[in-house]
């Protein structure tokens, strides 16, 4: 994670969550003990219970928390607007790229461990994610009004898949620098949205 783009945690809870995400991503939720998470932040395992009820609570805060932050950040970028819808879309892409490059462990944890959440927490994550997707769909359709809503939504999901592929791109040293990688991902995302703009809307079905 780049220190220039990822401020140091400001609280012990944030330190615990950061290390929990890293360990869960590396070894899986059931492969990590409370004592290991505690050791990673320099406190005893039982001392973690002053901050969290247990690993389940950490996992819920990680996955619900990142979904809330992505939606809040997206809404802020839309509200701030820009010179054009294209500028707003650029801002949304940049915000998601920051997440994809700086919070790779959370992407892995989400993919592997979402089903381990309590039903209420899992539903909350899905609800937040749907709102985040629809936020993007509205902006994409302003930039590319030709495609249908379903086509725009499919493009947004595809771009998320592209950007969220960062945990699978190899060792950090084998990749371009952060700035170059961010620029590459941005161009790829714009290219994907440009491709859906070239799709002709389906002709309505008429009775013969």
Protein backbone atom coordinates (compact mmCIF):
# COMPACT_ATOMS: atom_id res chain seq x y z
CA UNK A 1 0.00 0.00 0.00
CA UNK A 2 1.32 3.40 -0.92
CA UNK A 3 1.99 5.62 2.06
CA UNK A 4 1.24 8.65 -0.10
CA UNK A 5 -2.31 7.45 -0.67
CA UNK A 6 -3.06 5.49 2.50
CA UNK A 7 -2.84 7.52 5.72
CA UNK A 8 -1.64 5.71 8.83
CA UNK A 9 -4.44 4.35 11.01
CA UNK A 10 -5.59 6.89 13.60
CA UNK A 11 -6.94 4.48 16.19
CA UNK A 12 -6.26 1.08 17.65
CA UNK A 13 -9.54 -0.21 16.16
CA UNK A 14 -8.34 0.78 12.69
CA UNK A 15 -4.99 -0.90 13.30
CA UNK A 16 -6.77 -4.09 14.33
CA UNK A 17 -9.04 -4.01 11.29
CA UNK A 18 -6.14 -3.39 8.91
CA UNK A 19 -4.19 -6.36 10.26
CA UNK A 20 -7.29 -8.55 10.40
CA UNK A 21 -7.97 -7.81 6.72
CA UNK A 22 -4.40 -8.65 5.79
CA UNK A 23 -4.39 -11.92 7.73
CA UNK A 24 -7.86 -12.98 6.57
CA UNK A 25 -6.78 -12.35 2.97
CA UNK A 26 -3.58 -14.34 3.39
CA UNK A 27 -4.88 -17.33 5.36
CA UNK A 28 -8.66 -17.23 5.27
CA UNK A 29 -11.04 -16.33 8.07
CA UNK A 30 -10.80 -19.71 9.81
CA UNK A 31 -7.04 -19.85 9.37
CA UNK A 32 -6.42 -16.87 11.64
CA UNK A 33 -6.74 -16.80 15.41
CA UNK A 34 -7.53 -13.86 17.65
CA UNK A 35 -4.07 -14.21 19.23
CA UNK A 36 -2.41 -13.73 15.81
CA UNK A 37 -4.38 -10.58 15.11
CA UNK A 38 -3.48 -9.27 18.55
CA UNK A 39 0.21 -10.04 18.05
CA UNK A 40 0.16 -8.14 14.73
CA UNK A 41 -0.88 -4.95 16.55
CA UNK A 42 1.15 -5.54 19.69
CA UNK A 43 -1.60 -6.47 22.15
CA UNK A 44 -2.71 -9.74 23.70
CA UNK A 45 -5.43 -11.72 21.98
CA UNK A 46 -7.87 -11.25 24.87
CA UNK A 47 -7.14 -7.52 24.73
CA UNK A 48 -8.89 -7.43 21.35
CA UNK A 49 -12.18 -8.08 23.08
CA UNK A 50 -12.07 -4.54 24.45
CA UNK A 51 -12.51 -3.41 20.85
CA UNK A 52 -14.45 -6.23 19.15
CA UNK A 53 -16.69 -9.03 20.35
CA UNK A 54 -14.72 -11.46 18.19
CA UNK A 55 -13.56 -12.28 14.68
CA UNK A 56 -17.13 -12.26 13.35
CA UNK A 57 -17.52 -8.66 14.47
CA UNK A 58 -14.23 -7.70 12.79
CA UNK A 59 -15.30 -9.31 9.53
CA UNK A 60 -18.67 -7.55 9.62
CA UNK A 61 -17.08 -4.16 10.27
CA UNK A 62 -14.57 -4.70 7.46
CA UNK A 63 -17.12 -5.64 4.80
CA UNK A 64 -20.00 -3.38 5.84
CA UNK A 65 -17.55 -0.57 6.47
CA UNK A 66 -15.89 -0.63 3.06
CA UNK A 67 -19.29 -0.82 1.33
CA UNK A 68 -20.43 2.24 3.28
CA UNK A 69 -17.23 4.15 2.46
CA UNK A 70 -17.43 3.40 -1.25
CA UNK A 71 -21.05 4.55 -1.43
CA UNK A 72 -20.37 7.66 0.65
CA UNK A 73 -17.35 8.54 -1.50
CA UNK A 74 -19.33 7.98 -4.69
CA UNK A 75 -22.17 10.19 -3.51
CA UNK A 76 -19.70 12.90 -2.53
CA UNK A 77 -18.10 12.86 -5.99
CA UNK A 78 -21.49 13.06 -7.70
CA UNK A 79 -22.62 15.88 -5.39
CA UNK A 80 -19.45 17.85 -6.01
CA UNK A 81 -20.14 17.48 -9.71
CA UNK A 82 -17.69 18.79 -12.23
CA UNK A 83 -17.48 20.56 -15.53
CA UNK A 84 -19.36 17.72 -17.22
CA UNK A 85 -20.80 14.23 -16.64
CA UNK A 86 -17.50 12.96 -18.06
CA UNK A 87 -15.66 14.69 -15.22
CA UNK A 88 -17.95 13.05 -12.67
CA UNK A 89 -17.35 9.63 -14.22
CA UNK A 90 -13.60 10.27 -14.14
CA UNK A 91 -13.89 11.10 -10.43
CA UNK A 92 -15.87 7.93 -9.71
CA UNK A 93 -13.30 5.83 -11.55
CA UNK A 94 -10.41 7.48 -9.70
CA UNK A 95 -12.09 6.91 -6.34
CA UNK A 96 -12.64 3.23 -7.03
CA UNK A 97 -9.08 2.84 -8.32
CA UNK A 98 -7.77 4.23 -5.02
CA UNK A 99 -9.74 1.52 -3.24
CA UNK A 100 -8.63 -1.19 -5.67
CA UNK A 101 -4.94 -0.32 -5.29
CA UNK A 102 -4.82 0.55 -1.60
CA UNK A 103 -7.25 -1.99 -0.10
CA UNK A 104 -6.46 -5.18 -1.99
CA UNK A 105 -6.84 -7.41 1.09
CA UNK A 106 -10.44 -6.21 1.49
CA UNK A 107 -11.25 -7.28 -2.06
CA UNK A 108 -9.93 -10.76 -1.33
CA UNK A 109 -11.76 -10.97 1.98
CA UNK A 110 -15.02 -9.88 0.38
CA UNK A 111 -14.73 -12.47 -2.39
CA UNK A 112 -13.94 -15.32 0.01
CA UNK A 113 -15.76 -14.51 3.21
CA UNK A 114 -18.95 -12.56 2.45
CA UNK A 115 -21.11 -15.64 3.01
CA UNK A 116 -19.73 -15.96 6.55
CA UNK A 117 -21.47 -12.76 7.65
CA UNK A 118 -24.68 -12.88 9.61
CA UNK A 119 -27.68 -12.62 7.31
CA UNK A 120 -28.48 -9.06 8.40
CA UNK A 121 -24.91 -7.88 7.74
CA UNK A 122 -24.77 -9.70 4.41
CA UNK A 123 -28.03 -8.06 3.31
CA UNK A 124 -26.67 -4.68 4.38
CA UNK A 125 -23.56 -5.17 2.25
CA UNK A 126 -25.65 -6.20 -0.76
CA UNK A 127 -27.97 -3.21 -0.29
CA UNK A 128 -25.06 -0.79 -0.15
CA UNK A 129 -23.46 -2.38 -3.20
CA UNK A 130 -26.67 -2.09 -5.22
CA UNK A 131 -26.92 1.60 -4.37
CA UNK A 132 -23.29 2.09 -5.38
CA UNK A 133 -23.87 0.35 -8.71
CA UNK A 134 -26.98 2.45 -9.46
CA UNK A 135 -25.04 5.62 -8.67
CA UNK A 136 -22.56 4.68 -11.39
CA UNK A 137 -25.28 3.58 -13.82
CA UNK A 138 -26.93 7.01 -13.65
CA UNK A 139 -23.64 8.77 -14.44
CA UNK A 140 -22.66 6.33 -17.19
CA UNK A 141 -26.02 6.90 -18.90
CA UNK A 142 -25.44 10.66 -18.81
CA UNK A 143 -22.10 10.16 -20.55
CA UNK A 144 -23.34 7.42 -22.91
CA UNK A 145 -27.12 7.83 -23.34
CA UNK A 146 -27.43 5.31 -26.19
CA UNK A 147 -27.18 1.97 -24.35
CA UNK A 148 -30.12 0.66 -22.36
CA UNK A 149 -30.14 0.77 -18.57
CA UNK A 150 -29.42 -2.95 -18.38
CA UNK A 151 -26.47 -2.58 -20.76
CA UNK A 152 -25.07 0.29 -18.70
CA UNK A 153 -25.50 -1.75 -15.52
CA UNK A 154 -23.70 -4.72 -17.08
CA UNK A 155 -20.87 -2.39 -18.08
CA UNK A 156 -20.57 -1.03 -14.53
CA UNK A 157 -20.35 -4.56 -13.10
CA UNK A 158 -17.74 -5.45 -15.72
CA UNK A 159 -15.66 -2.38 -14.87
CA UNK A 160 -15.83 -3.24 -11.17
CA UNK A 161 -14.57 -6.71 -12.05
CA UNK A 162 -11.72 -5.15 -14.00
CA UNK A 163 -10.72 -2.71 -11.27
CA UNK A 164 -11.16 -5.25 -8.48
CA UNK A 165 -8.78 -7.67 -10.20
CA UNK A 166 -5.81 -5.96 -8.52
CA UNK A 167 -5.22 -8.75 -5.93
CA UNK A 168 -4.60 -11.13 -8.86
CA UNK A 169 -2.18 -8.99 -10.85
CA UNK A 170 0.96 -10.53 -9.39
CA UNK A 171 3.58 -9.38 -6.92
CA UNK A 172 3.69 -5.61 -6.34
CA UNK A 173 7.26 -5.46 -7.66
CA UNK A 174 6.18 -7.03 -10.93
CA UNK A 175 3.63 -4.31 -11.65
CA UNK A 176 4.07 -0.73 -12.88
CA UNK A 177 4.38 1.96 -10.22
CA UNK A 178 1.21 3.08 -8.48
CA UNK A 179 0.73 6.18 -10.63
CA UNK A 180 1.25 4.23 -13.85
CA UNK A 181 -1.05 1.46 -12.67
CA UNK A 182 -3.77 3.94 -11.72
CA UNK A 183 -3.53 5.61 -15.14
CA UNK A 184 -3.68 2.24 -16.90
CA UNK A 185 -6.74 1.13 -14.94
CA UNK A 186 -8.43 4.45 -15.67
CA UNK A 187 -7.85 4.09 -19.40
CA UNK A 188 -9.12 0.50 -19.34
CA UNK A 189 -12.28 1.54 -17.46
CA UNK A 190 -13.00 4.36 -19.91
CA UNK A 191 -12.38 1.96 -22.78
CA UNK A 192 -14.92 -0.48 -21.38
CA UNK A 193 -17.57 2.22 -21.07
CA UNK A 194 -16.73 3.43 -24.55
CA UNK A 195 -17.26 -0.09 -25.85
CA UNK A 196 -20.76 -0.33 -24.40
CA UNK A 197 -21.56 3.02 -25.99
CA UNK A 198 -20.95 1.40 -29.36
CA UNK A 199 -23.58 -1.28 -28.70
CA UNK A 200 -26.75 -0.63 -30.64
CA UNK A 201 -29.97 -0.74 -28.56
CA UNK A 202 -32.00 -3.87 -29.17
CA UNK A 203 -34.90 -3.46 -31.60
CA UNK A 204 -38.32 -3.76 -29.94
CA UNK A 205 -40.12 -7.01 -30.66
CA UNK A 206 -43.25 -6.54 -32.76
CA UNK A 207 -46.02 -8.98 -33.42
CA UNK A 208 -46.03 -10.52 -36.88
